């Protein structure tokens, strides 16, 4: 089976201080170990880029 990885999962994967970081990371790891195919779409990349590049006061990623 294949899965499309949601933008929120991508974001939680890089937000090491987020409460859902470990859960998102473990979910991805389990799917990969099980041999599942993971996809992301251009829309996911656009959304990820948008959050990563906007100011934190506008709900962007905090830099550590």
N, C-alpha and C. Protein backbone atom coordinates (compact mmCIF):
# COMPACT_ATOMS: atom_id res chain seq x y z
N UNK A 1 0.84 -1.18 0.00
CA UNK A 1 0.00 0.00 0.00
C UNK A 1 0.89 1.24 0.00
N UNK A 2 0.37 2.32 -0.50
CA UNK A 2 1.12 3.57 -0.49
C UNK A 2 0.35 4.63 0.28
N UNK A 3 1.07 5.61 0.79
CA UNK A 3 0.49 6.66 1.61
C UNK A 3 0.98 8.02 1.16
N UNK A 4 0.10 8.99 1.17
CA UNK A 4 0.48 10.36 0.92
C UNK A 4 0.73 11.02 2.27
N UNK A 5 1.91 11.56 2.46
CA UNK A 5 2.29 12.15 3.74
C UNK A 5 1.75 13.58 3.81
N UNK A 6 0.93 13.84 4.81
CA UNK A 6 0.33 15.15 4.99
C UNK A 6 1.38 16.18 5.39
N UNK A 7 1.13 17.42 5.04
CA UNK A 7 2.05 18.51 5.37
C UNK A 7 2.28 18.60 6.87
N UNK A 8 1.26 18.36 7.67
CA UNK A 8 1.42 18.43 9.13
C UNK A 8 2.42 17.39 9.63
N UNK A 9 2.44 16.23 9.01
CA UNK A 9 3.42 15.21 9.40
C UNK A 9 4.83 15.67 9.04
N UNK A 10 4.98 16.26 7.86
CA UNK A 10 6.28 16.80 7.47
C UNK A 10 6.74 17.88 8.45
N UNK A 11 5.83 18.76 8.82
CA UNK A 11 6.17 19.84 9.75
C UNK A 11 6.54 19.30 11.12
N UNK A 12 5.76 18.36 11.63
CA UNK A 12 6.07 17.80 12.95
C UNK A 12 7.40 17.08 12.95
N UNK A 13 7.77 16.55 11.81
CA UNK A 13 9.06 15.86 11.71
C UNK A 13 10.25 16.77 11.91
N UNK A 14 10.10 18.04 11.60
CA UNK A 14 11.22 18.98 11.77
C UNK A 14 11.08 19.85 13.02
N UNK A 15 9.91 19.84 13.63
CA UNK A 15 9.69 20.63 14.84
C UNK A 15 10.02 19.77 16.06
N UNK A 16 11.29 19.70 16.39
CA UNK A 16 11.73 18.79 17.45
C UNK A 16 11.13 19.10 18.82
N UNK A 17 10.69 20.31 19.04
CA UNK A 17 10.10 20.69 20.33
C UNK A 17 8.57 20.49 20.36
N UNK A 18 7.98 20.15 19.24
CA UNK A 18 6.52 19.99 19.17
C UNK A 18 6.12 18.69 19.89
N UNK A 19 5.00 18.71 20.65
CA UNK A 19 4.57 17.51 21.37
C UNK A 19 4.30 16.29 20.47
N UNK A 20 4.01 16.51 19.20
CA UNK A 20 3.71 15.40 18.30
C UNK A 20 4.93 14.98 17.44
N UNK A 21 6.08 15.55 17.72
CA UNK A 21 7.28 15.24 16.94
C UNK A 21 7.59 13.74 16.94
N UNK A 22 7.71 13.16 18.10
CA UNK A 22 8.07 11.74 18.20
C UNK A 22 7.02 10.84 17.56
N UNK A 23 5.76 11.18 17.74
CA UNK A 23 4.68 10.38 17.16
C UNK A 23 4.76 10.40 15.64
N UNK A 24 4.96 11.58 15.07
CA UNK A 24 5.07 11.70 13.61
C UNK A 24 6.29 10.94 13.11
N UNK A 25 7.40 11.08 13.79
CA UNK A 25 8.64 10.40 13.40
C UNK A 25 8.47 8.88 13.45
N UNK A 26 7.86 8.39 14.52
CA UNK A 26 7.65 6.95 14.66
C UNK A 26 6.69 6.41 13.61
N UNK A 27 5.66 7.16 13.28
CA UNK A 27 4.71 6.72 12.26
C UNK A 27 5.40 6.55 10.92
N UNK A 28 6.21 7.53 10.54
CA UNK A 28 6.95 7.45 9.28
C UNK A 28 7.92 6.27 9.30
N UNK A 29 8.63 6.11 10.40
CA UNK A 29 9.59 5.01 10.51
C UNK A 29 8.91 3.65 10.39
N UNK A 30 7.76 3.49 11.05
CA UNK A 30 7.05 2.21 10.98
C UNK A 30 6.58 1.90 9.57
N UNK A 31 6.09 2.91 8.87
CA UNK A 31 5.65 2.68 7.49
C UNK A 31 6.82 2.30 6.60
N UNK A 32 7.95 2.98 6.76
CA UNK A 32 9.12 2.67 5.94
C UNK A 32 9.66 1.28 6.24
N UNK A 33 9.73 0.91 7.51
CA UNK A 33 10.21 -0.42 7.89
C UNK A 33 9.29 -1.50 7.33
N UNK A 34 8.00 -1.20 7.27
CA UNK A 34 7.03 -2.16 6.72
C UNK A 34 7.09 -2.23 5.19
N UNK A 35 7.94 -1.42 4.58
CA UNK A 35 8.09 -1.44 3.14
C UNK A 35 7.03 -0.66 2.38
N UNK A 36 6.31 0.20 3.09
CA UNK A 36 5.28 0.99 2.43
C UNK A 36 5.91 2.12 1.62
N UNK A 37 5.20 2.56 0.60
CA UNK A 37 5.66 3.65 -0.24
C UNK A 37 5.02 4.94 0.25
N UNK A 38 5.84 5.95 0.50
CA UNK A 38 5.35 7.23 0.98
C UNK A 38 5.52 8.28 -0.12
N UNK A 39 4.47 9.05 -0.32
CA UNK A 39 4.48 10.10 -1.34
C UNK A 39 4.21 11.45 -0.69
N UNK A 40 4.75 12.48 -1.27
CA UNK A 40 4.33 13.84 -0.97
C UNK A 40 4.09 14.51 -2.31
N UNK A 41 3.24 15.48 -2.31
CA UNK A 41 2.82 16.14 -3.54
C UNK A 41 3.36 17.57 -3.58
N UNK A 42 3.36 18.18 -4.76
CA UNK A 42 3.82 19.57 -4.85
C UNK A 42 3.09 20.50 -3.87
N UNK A 43 1.81 20.25 -3.64
CA UNK A 43 1.06 21.07 -2.69
C UNK A 43 1.66 20.97 -1.29
N UNK A 44 2.10 19.77 -0.89
CA UNK A 44 2.74 19.60 0.41
C UNK A 44 4.01 20.42 0.52
N UNK A 45 4.79 20.45 -0.56
CA UNK A 45 6.04 21.21 -0.56
C UNK A 45 5.74 22.70 -0.47
N UNK A 46 4.73 23.16 -1.18
CA UNK A 46 4.35 24.59 -1.11
C UNK A 46 3.92 24.96 0.31
N UNK A 47 3.08 24.13 0.91
CA UNK A 47 2.61 24.43 2.27
C UNK A 47 3.76 24.39 3.27
N UNK A 48 4.63 23.40 3.14
CA UNK A 48 5.78 23.28 4.03
C UNK A 48 6.68 24.51 3.90
N UNK A 49 6.98 24.90 2.67
CA UNK A 49 7.82 26.07 2.41
C UNK A 49 7.18 27.33 3.00
N UNK A 50 5.88 27.46 2.82
CA UNK A 50 5.16 28.63 3.33
C UNK A 50 5.33 28.75 4.84
N UNK A 51 5.14 27.67 5.56
CA UNK A 51 5.26 27.70 7.02
C UNK A 51 6.72 27.95 7.43
N UNK A 52 7.64 27.32 6.73
CA UNK A 52 9.06 27.44 7.09
C UNK A 52 9.63 28.84 6.86
N UNK A 53 9.03 29.59 5.95
CA UNK A 53 9.62 30.88 5.59
C UNK A 53 8.85 32.08 6.11
N UNK A 54 7.70 31.87 6.73
CA UNK A 54 6.99 33.04 7.24
C UNK A 54 7.39 33.31 8.69
N UNK A 55 7.21 34.53 9.16
CA UNK A 55 7.60 34.90 10.53
C UNK A 55 6.83 34.09 11.58
N UNK A 56 7.47 33.86 12.70
CA UNK A 56 6.83 33.10 13.77
C UNK A 56 5.58 33.80 14.30
N UNK A 57 5.56 35.12 14.26
CA UNK A 57 4.37 35.83 14.74
C UNK A 57 3.17 35.64 13.80
N UNK A 58 3.44 35.08 12.62
CA UNK A 58 2.36 34.75 11.68
C UNK A 58 2.25 33.23 11.53
N UNK A 59 2.52 32.51 12.64
CA UNK A 59 2.40 31.07 12.70
C UNK A 59 3.45 30.33 11.88
N UNK A 60 4.62 30.92 11.73
CA UNK A 60 5.73 30.25 11.07
C UNK A 60 6.49 29.38 12.05
N UNK A 61 7.45 28.65 11.55
CA UNK A 61 8.26 27.79 12.42
C UNK A 61 9.18 28.63 13.30
N UNK A 62 9.30 28.20 14.54
CA UNK A 62 10.26 28.85 15.42
C UNK A 62 11.63 28.29 15.14
N UNK A 63 12.63 29.14 15.13
CA UNK A 63 14.00 28.66 14.97
C UNK A 63 14.57 28.36 16.33
N UNK A 64 15.34 27.30 16.39
CA UNK A 64 15.92 26.88 17.67
C UNK A 64 17.36 27.30 17.73
